N, C-alpha and C. Protein backbone atom coordinates (compact mmCIF):
# COMPACT_ATOMS: atom_id res chain seq x y z
N MET A 1 -18.04 -1.02 12.82
CA MET A 1 -16.73 -1.04 12.12
C MET A 1 -15.70 -0.35 13.00
N MET A 2 -14.59 -0.95 13.06
CA MET A 2 -13.48 -0.43 13.86
C MET A 2 -12.39 0.14 12.92
N ILE A 3 -12.02 1.33 13.20
CA ILE A 3 -10.96 1.99 12.37
C ILE A 3 -9.74 2.16 13.24
N LYS A 4 -8.63 1.60 12.74
CA LYS A 4 -7.33 1.73 13.45
C LYS A 4 -6.52 2.74 12.75
N LYS A 5 -5.91 3.64 13.51
CA LYS A 5 -4.91 4.58 12.97
C LYS A 5 -3.60 3.93 12.91
N ALA A 6 -2.90 4.24 11.86
CA ALA A 6 -1.53 3.62 11.70
C ALA A 6 -0.64 4.67 10.97
N ASN A 7 0.62 4.73 11.32
CA ASN A 7 1.58 5.58 10.65
C ASN A 7 2.13 4.73 9.46
N ILE A 8 1.81 5.11 8.25
CA ILE A 8 2.22 4.29 7.07
C ILE A 8 3.06 5.20 6.17
N THR A 9 4.19 4.72 5.77
CA THR A 9 5.12 5.47 4.90
C THR A 9 5.59 4.51 3.76
N PHE A 10 5.47 5.05 2.51
CA PHE A 10 5.99 4.30 1.42
C PHE A 10 7.52 4.46 1.29
N ILE A 11 8.18 3.36 1.14
CA ILE A 11 9.72 3.46 0.91
C ILE A 11 9.97 2.94 -0.46
N PRO A 12 10.49 3.78 -1.33
CA PRO A 12 10.69 3.44 -2.80
C PRO A 12 11.68 2.34 -2.97
N PRO A 13 11.59 1.64 -4.07
CA PRO A 13 12.50 0.55 -4.37
C PRO A 13 13.88 1.06 -4.75
N PHE A 14 14.92 0.15 -4.51
CA PHE A 14 16.23 0.49 -4.97
C PHE A 14 16.47 -0.10 -6.30
N ARG A 15 15.88 -1.19 -6.68
CA ARG A 15 16.04 -1.90 -7.96
C ARG A 15 14.79 -1.68 -8.87
N GLN A 16 14.97 -1.73 -10.10
CA GLN A 16 13.84 -1.59 -11.00
C GLN A 16 12.81 -2.67 -10.94
N ASP A 17 13.20 -3.88 -10.55
CA ASP A 17 12.30 -5.05 -10.46
C ASP A 17 11.50 -5.05 -9.15
N ASP A 18 11.84 -4.24 -8.18
CA ASP A 18 11.08 -4.26 -6.94
C ASP A 18 10.00 -3.26 -6.86
N HIS A 19 9.04 -3.45 -5.97
CA HIS A 19 7.93 -2.53 -5.78
C HIS A 19 8.12 -1.56 -4.63
N GLY A 20 9.08 -1.91 -3.76
CA GLY A 20 9.31 -1.05 -2.60
C GLY A 20 8.84 -1.69 -1.33
N TRP A 21 8.68 -0.88 -0.30
CA TRP A 21 8.27 -1.32 1.02
C TRP A 21 7.21 -0.37 1.59
N LEU A 22 6.44 -0.83 2.60
CA LEU A 22 5.67 0.04 3.41
C LEU A 22 6.08 -0.09 4.88
N ASP A 23 6.34 1.02 5.48
CA ASP A 23 6.63 1.10 6.96
C ASP A 23 5.31 1.32 7.66
N VAL A 24 4.84 0.26 8.32
CA VAL A 24 3.51 0.29 9.01
C VAL A 24 3.88 0.25 10.49
N ASN A 25 3.64 1.42 11.20
CA ASN A 25 3.92 1.53 12.57
C ASN A 25 5.27 0.99 12.99
N GLY A 26 6.32 1.31 12.20
CA GLY A 26 7.64 0.86 12.54
C GLY A 26 8.01 -0.49 11.98
N GLU A 27 7.12 -1.27 11.41
CA GLU A 27 7.43 -2.57 10.87
C GLU A 27 7.51 -2.40 9.29
N ILE A 28 8.68 -2.76 8.75
CA ILE A 28 8.91 -2.60 7.33
C ILE A 28 8.56 -3.86 6.62
N LEU A 29 7.65 -3.75 5.65
CA LEU A 29 7.15 -4.93 4.94
C LEU A 29 7.31 -4.73 3.44
N LEU A 30 7.76 -5.81 2.79
CA LEU A 30 8.03 -5.76 1.35
C LEU A 30 6.67 -5.75 0.54
N ILE A 31 6.58 -4.93 -0.41
CA ILE A 31 5.37 -4.97 -1.30
C ILE A 31 5.62 -6.04 -2.36
N THR A 32 4.76 -7.04 -2.36
CA THR A 32 4.96 -8.18 -3.31
C THR A 32 4.15 -8.00 -4.55
N ASP A 33 3.08 -7.18 -4.58
CA ASP A 33 2.30 -6.94 -5.78
C ASP A 33 1.55 -5.63 -5.67
N ILE A 34 1.38 -4.98 -6.83
CA ILE A 34 0.63 -3.70 -6.94
C ILE A 34 -0.40 -3.94 -8.06
N HIS A 35 -1.64 -3.71 -7.72
CA HIS A 35 -2.68 -3.76 -8.72
C HIS A 35 -3.31 -2.38 -8.89
N SER A 36 -3.25 -1.81 -10.12
CA SER A 36 -3.77 -0.51 -10.34
C SER A 36 -5.08 -0.57 -11.09
N PHE A 37 -6.04 0.28 -10.66
CA PHE A 37 -7.34 0.33 -11.26
C PHE A 37 -7.70 1.77 -11.53
N ASP A 38 -8.19 2.05 -12.71
CA ASP A 38 -8.66 3.41 -13.08
C ASP A 38 -9.99 3.36 -13.71
N ASP A 39 -10.97 4.01 -13.16
CA ASP A 39 -12.35 4.03 -13.59
C ASP A 39 -12.91 5.45 -13.49
N PHE A 40 -13.29 5.99 -14.66
CA PHE A 40 -13.87 7.32 -14.71
C PHE A 40 -13.05 8.40 -13.99
N GLY A 41 -11.77 8.30 -14.18
CA GLY A 41 -10.87 9.30 -13.62
C GLY A 41 -10.46 9.07 -12.15
N VAL A 42 -10.98 8.00 -11.52
CA VAL A 42 -10.59 7.74 -10.13
C VAL A 42 -9.54 6.59 -10.21
N GLU A 43 -8.39 6.85 -9.69
CA GLU A 43 -7.33 5.78 -9.71
C GLU A 43 -7.18 5.26 -8.31
N GLN A 44 -7.03 3.90 -8.24
CA GLN A 44 -6.83 3.19 -6.98
C GLN A 44 -5.76 2.18 -7.20
N ASP A 45 -4.78 2.13 -6.27
CA ASP A 45 -3.78 1.16 -6.28
C ASP A 45 -3.90 0.25 -5.01
N THR A 46 -3.89 -1.08 -5.22
CA THR A 46 -3.89 -2.04 -4.13
C THR A 46 -2.58 -2.61 -3.94
N LEU A 47 -1.95 -2.45 -2.81
CA LEU A 47 -0.58 -2.97 -2.54
C LEU A 47 -0.75 -4.21 -1.64
N THR A 48 -0.16 -5.32 -2.06
CA THR A 48 -0.14 -6.56 -1.28
C THR A 48 1.23 -6.66 -0.64
N LEU A 49 1.21 -6.95 0.68
CA LEU A 49 2.50 -7.02 1.40
C LEU A 49 2.89 -8.45 1.64
N GLU A 50 4.15 -8.61 2.03
CA GLU A 50 4.65 -9.98 2.28
C GLU A 50 3.98 -10.76 3.32
N ASP A 51 3.21 -10.05 4.26
CA ASP A 51 2.51 -10.81 5.30
C ASP A 51 1.10 -11.13 4.85
N GLY A 52 0.71 -10.75 3.61
CA GLY A 52 -0.62 -11.03 3.11
C GLY A 52 -1.55 -9.92 3.25
N SER A 53 -1.24 -8.94 4.05
CA SER A 53 -2.16 -7.77 4.24
C SER A 53 -2.19 -6.91 2.92
N GLU A 54 -3.32 -6.20 2.77
CA GLU A 54 -3.42 -5.29 1.65
C GLU A 54 -3.78 -3.88 2.05
N TYR A 55 -3.21 -2.89 1.30
CA TYR A 55 -3.47 -1.52 1.60
C TYR A 55 -3.80 -0.91 0.23
N ILE A 56 -4.74 0.08 0.33
CA ILE A 56 -5.19 0.84 -0.87
C ILE A 56 -4.78 2.28 -0.76
N THR A 57 -4.53 2.87 -1.86
CA THR A 57 -4.23 4.28 -1.94
C THR A 57 -4.98 4.86 -3.16
N GLN A 58 -5.57 6.05 -2.94
CA GLN A 58 -6.30 6.64 -4.05
C GLN A 58 -5.71 8.01 -4.39
N ASP A 59 -4.55 8.30 -3.85
CA ASP A 59 -3.90 9.55 -4.09
C ASP A 59 -2.45 9.47 -4.39
N GLY A 60 -2.07 8.39 -5.05
CA GLY A 60 -0.62 8.18 -5.50
C GLY A 60 0.31 7.84 -4.40
N GLY A 61 -0.13 7.32 -3.29
CA GLY A 61 0.69 6.93 -2.24
C GLY A 61 0.91 7.89 -1.09
N ASN A 62 0.11 8.96 -1.07
CA ASN A 62 0.20 9.99 0.01
C ASN A 62 -0.49 9.45 1.26
N THR A 63 -1.61 8.77 1.10
CA THR A 63 -2.31 8.15 2.26
C THR A 63 -2.66 6.74 1.91
N PHE A 64 -2.81 5.82 2.91
CA PHE A 64 -3.10 4.47 2.70
C PHE A 64 -4.25 4.05 3.70
N GLN A 65 -5.01 3.10 3.22
CA GLN A 65 -6.06 2.47 4.06
C GLN A 65 -5.92 0.93 3.98
N GLU A 66 -5.98 0.28 5.22
CA GLU A 66 -5.92 -1.15 5.17
C GLU A 66 -7.15 -1.76 4.69
N VAL A 67 -7.03 -2.82 3.90
CA VAL A 67 -8.23 -3.55 3.41
C VAL A 67 -8.53 -4.63 4.44
N ALA A 68 -9.80 -4.61 4.90
CA ALA A 68 -10.26 -5.62 5.88
C ALA A 68 -11.29 -6.43 5.23
N TYR A 69 -11.12 -7.76 5.33
CA TYR A 69 -12.12 -8.67 4.75
C TYR A 69 -12.91 -9.30 5.87
């Protein structure tokens, strides 16, 4: 398994209907969907970006991990 480090920052939305953006290594990508899952007190959010990539966070957006299929 190969792990790539990336600088990822959440940029909050300006409008109520938007999800916001992720800045991934200087490339700003629109978040098109957020799926939240909570099981036995563990919360996980999956963010789908405009380029089709997905990132998960388990700490409310402080850290992100890319989903690799």
